[in-house]
Amino acid sequence: MIKDWDGKKYTPKQAAQELIKDALTLALLDRWDELNGFGQEIAPHITERERQLIDDQVHKIYDRLDRYL
């Protein structure tokens, strides 16, 4: 069993799931246009409307992945 700072216990699988959730949250939801290579490539060339459409799709896909994890 793996314990966090609060003493909550995790199996290795649960710990891996949490790590993946954190990585996806940072890379996709928070700053995909800054931390993702493709995001950095397209960010200067898209309109605000296109950015919002991408954000919406990223959130939908993330939510699907989150249900799996």
N, C-alpha and C. Protein backbone atom coordinates (compact mmCIF):
# COMPACT_ATOMS: atom_id res chain seq x y z
N MET A 1 0.83 -1.19 0.00
CA MET A 1 0.00 0.00 0.00
C MET A 1 0.88 1.25 0.00
N ILE A 2 0.44 2.23 -0.71
CA ILE A 2 1.14 3.49 -0.82
C ILE A 2 0.32 4.53 -0.08
N LYS A 3 0.98 5.35 0.74
CA LYS A 3 0.29 6.37 1.51
C LYS A 3 0.68 7.75 1.01
N ASP A 4 -0.31 8.67 0.98
CA ASP A 4 0.00 10.06 0.64
C ASP A 4 0.26 10.82 1.93
N TRP A 5 0.41 12.14 1.82
CA TRP A 5 0.73 12.97 2.99
C TRP A 5 -0.36 12.93 4.06
N ASP A 6 -1.62 12.73 3.62
CA ASP A 6 -2.73 12.69 4.56
C ASP A 6 -2.98 11.31 5.14
N GLY A 7 -2.17 10.34 4.73
CA GLY A 7 -2.34 8.98 5.22
C GLY A 7 -3.31 8.14 4.41
N LYS A 8 -3.86 8.70 3.34
CA LYS A 8 -4.77 7.95 2.49
C LYS A 8 -3.98 6.88 1.76
N LYS A 9 -4.54 5.67 1.71
CA LYS A 9 -3.83 4.55 1.11
C LYS A 9 -4.27 4.33 -0.33
N TYR A 10 -3.29 3.97 -1.17
CA TYR A 10 -3.52 3.70 -2.58
C TYR A 10 -2.85 2.39 -2.97
N THR A 11 -3.49 1.66 -3.85
CA THR A 11 -2.83 0.52 -4.47
C THR A 11 -1.91 1.09 -5.54
N PRO A 12 -0.96 0.31 -6.04
CA PRO A 12 -0.13 0.81 -7.13
C PRO A 12 -0.96 1.25 -8.35
N LYS A 13 -2.03 0.52 -8.66
CA LYS A 13 -2.88 0.90 -9.79
C LYS A 13 -3.56 2.23 -9.52
N GLN A 14 -4.08 2.44 -8.33
CA GLN A 14 -4.74 3.70 -7.99
C GLN A 14 -3.74 4.86 -8.05
N ALA A 15 -2.53 4.62 -7.56
CA ALA A 15 -1.49 5.66 -7.60
C ALA A 15 -1.17 6.02 -9.05
N ALA A 16 -1.05 5.02 -9.92
CA ALA A 16 -0.78 5.27 -11.34
C ALA A 16 -1.93 6.05 -11.97
N GLN A 17 -3.16 5.71 -11.62
CA GLN A 17 -4.32 6.43 -12.15
C GLN A 17 -4.29 7.90 -11.73
N GLU A 18 -3.96 8.16 -10.49
CA GLU A 18 -3.88 9.54 -10.01
C GLU A 18 -2.78 10.32 -10.73
N LEU A 19 -1.64 9.67 -10.95
CA LEU A 19 -0.55 10.32 -11.68
C LEU A 19 -0.98 10.68 -13.10
N ILE A 20 -1.68 9.77 -13.75
CA ILE A 20 -2.14 10.02 -15.12
C ILE A 20 -3.18 11.13 -15.14
N LYS A 21 -4.09 11.12 -14.17
CA LYS A 21 -5.09 12.20 -14.09
C LYS A 21 -4.42 13.56 -13.93
N ASP A 22 -3.43 13.63 -13.03
CA ASP A 22 -2.72 14.89 -12.81
C ASP A 22 -1.99 15.35 -14.07
N ALA A 23 -1.33 14.42 -14.74
CA ALA A 23 -0.60 14.77 -15.96
C ALA A 23 -1.55 15.25 -17.04
N LEU A 24 -2.67 14.57 -17.21
CA LEU A 24 -3.65 14.96 -18.22
C LEU A 24 -4.26 16.31 -17.88
N THR A 25 -4.54 16.53 -16.63
CA THR A 25 -5.13 17.80 -16.21
C THR A 25 -4.18 18.94 -16.54
N LEU A 26 -2.94 18.78 -16.20
CA LEU A 26 -1.96 19.84 -16.45
C LEU A 26 -1.75 20.06 -17.95
N ALA A 27 -1.56 18.97 -18.68
CA ALA A 27 -1.21 19.08 -20.09
C ALA A 27 -2.40 19.44 -20.97
N LEU A 28 -3.59 19.02 -20.60
CA LEU A 28 -4.74 19.22 -21.47
C LEU A 28 -5.65 20.35 -21.01
N LEU A 29 -6.06 20.30 -19.78
CA LEU A 29 -7.08 21.24 -19.33
C LEU A 29 -6.51 22.59 -18.96
N ASP A 30 -5.39 22.60 -18.31
CA ASP A 30 -4.88 23.86 -17.78
C ASP A 30 -4.19 24.72 -18.83
N ARG A 31 -3.21 24.14 -19.53
CA ARG A 31 -2.42 24.97 -20.45
C ARG A 31 -1.98 24.18 -21.67
N TRP A 32 -2.92 23.62 -22.40
CA TRP A 32 -2.55 22.81 -23.56
C TRP A 32 -1.81 23.63 -24.61
N ASP A 33 -2.08 24.92 -24.66
CA ASP A 33 -1.44 25.76 -25.67
C ASP A 33 -0.01 26.15 -25.30
N GLU A 34 0.39 25.88 -24.06
CA GLU A 34 1.74 26.22 -23.61
C GLU A 34 2.61 25.00 -23.36
N LEU A 35 1.99 23.91 -22.90
CA LEU A 35 2.77 22.75 -22.47
C LEU A 35 2.77 21.59 -23.45
N ASN A 36 2.03 21.70 -24.51
CA ASN A 36 1.91 20.62 -25.47
C ASN A 36 2.56 21.08 -26.77
N GLY A 37 3.42 20.24 -27.34
CA GLY A 37 4.14 20.62 -28.56
C GLY A 37 3.20 21.04 -29.69
N PHE A 38 2.18 20.22 -29.95
CA PHE A 38 1.22 20.56 -31.00
C PHE A 38 0.43 21.80 -30.63
N GLY A 39 0.07 21.91 -29.36
CA GLY A 39 -0.66 23.09 -28.90
C GLY A 39 0.14 24.36 -29.10
N GLN A 40 1.44 24.31 -28.80
CA GLN A 40 2.31 25.47 -29.01
C GLN A 40 2.40 25.81 -30.49
N GLU A 41 2.37 24.79 -31.33
CA GLU A 41 2.50 25.00 -32.77
C GLU A 41 1.28 25.71 -33.36
N ILE A 42 0.08 25.32 -32.89
CA ILE A 42 -1.13 25.89 -33.49
C ILE A 42 -1.63 27.14 -32.79
N ALA A 43 -1.28 27.32 -31.52
CA ALA A 43 -1.82 28.43 -30.73
C ALA A 43 -1.69 29.80 -31.39
N PRO A 44 -0.55 30.13 -31.98
CA PRO A 44 -0.44 31.47 -32.57
C PRO A 44 -1.30 31.68 -33.82
N HIS A 45 -1.81 30.60 -34.39
CA HIS A 45 -2.49 30.69 -35.68
C HIS A 45 -3.99 30.46 -35.60
N ILE A 46 -4.54 30.31 -34.42
CA ILE A 46 -5.98 30.03 -34.31
C ILE A 46 -6.71 31.24 -33.74
N THR A 47 -7.98 31.31 -34.08
CA THR A 47 -8.82 32.39 -33.57
C THR A 47 -9.31 32.04 -32.17
N GLU A 48 -9.88 33.02 -31.49
CA GLU A 48 -10.43 32.77 -30.16
C GLU A 48 -11.57 31.75 -30.24
N ARG A 49 -12.37 31.82 -31.29
CA ARG A 49 -13.46 30.86 -31.47
C ARG A 49 -12.90 29.43 -31.64
N GLU A 50 -11.85 29.29 -32.44
CA GLU A 50 -11.24 27.97 -32.63
C GLU A 50 -10.64 27.46 -31.33
N ARG A 51 -10.03 28.36 -30.55
CA ARG A 51 -9.47 27.98 -29.25
C ARG A 51 -10.58 27.45 -28.33
N GLN A 52 -11.73 28.11 -28.33
CA GLN A 52 -12.85 27.68 -27.50
C GLN A 52 -13.38 26.32 -27.96
N LEU A 53 -13.47 26.12 -29.25
CA LEU A 53 -13.92 24.84 -29.79
C LEU A 53 -12.96 23.71 -29.40
N ILE A 54 -11.67 24.00 -29.47
CA ILE A 54 -10.68 23.00 -29.06
C ILE A 54 -10.81 22.73 -27.57
N ASP A 55 -10.93 23.78 -26.76
CA ASP A 55 -11.10 23.61 -25.32
C ASP A 55 -12.31 22.73 -25.00
N ASP A 56 -13.41 22.97 -25.69
CA ASP A 56 -14.62 22.17 -25.46
C ASP A 56 -14.36 20.70 -25.76
N GLN A 57 -13.69 20.42 -26.87
CA GLN A 57 -13.42 19.03 -27.23
C GLN A 57 -12.43 18.38 -26.27
N VAL A 58 -11.43 19.14 -25.84
CA VAL A 58 -10.46 18.62 -24.88
C VAL A 58 -11.18 18.22 -23.59
N HIS A 59 -12.10 19.06 -23.13
CA HIS A 59 -12.84 18.76 -21.91
C HIS A 59 -13.72 17.52 -22.08
N LYS A 60 -14.35 17.38 -23.22
CA LYS A 60 -15.19 16.20 -23.46
C LYS A 60 -14.36 14.92 -23.46
N ILE A 61 -13.23 14.96 -24.14
CA ILE A 61 -12.37 13.78 -24.20
C ILE A 61 -11.78 13.48 -22.83
N TYR A 62 -11.36 14.53 -22.11
CA TYR A 62 -10.83 14.33 -20.76
C TYR A 62 -11.87 13.70 -19.85
N ASP A 63 -13.10 14.14 -19.92
CA ASP A 63 -14.16 13.58 -19.09
C ASP A 63 -14.36 12.10 -19.38
N ARG A 64 -14.29 11.72 -20.65
CA ARG A 64 -14.38 10.28 -21.00
C ARG A 64 -13.24 9.49 -20.40
N LEU A 65 -12.04 10.04 -20.52
CA LEU A 65 -10.87 9.36 -19.95
C LEU A 65 -10.95 9.28 -18.43
N ASP A 66 -11.44 10.34 -17.81
CA ASP A 66 -11.57 10.38 -16.35
C ASP A 66 -12.53 9.30 -15.85
N ARG A 67 -13.59 9.05 -16.59
CA ARG A 67 -14.51 7.99 -16.19
C ARG A 67 -13.83 6.63 -16.25
N TYR A 68 -12.94 6.45 -17.20
CA TYR A 68 -12.20 5.20 -17.32
C TYR A 68 -11.24 5.03 -16.16
N LEU A 69 -10.59 6.12 -15.77
CA LEU A 69 -9.61 6.05 -14.71
C LEU A 69 -10.29 6.07 -13.37
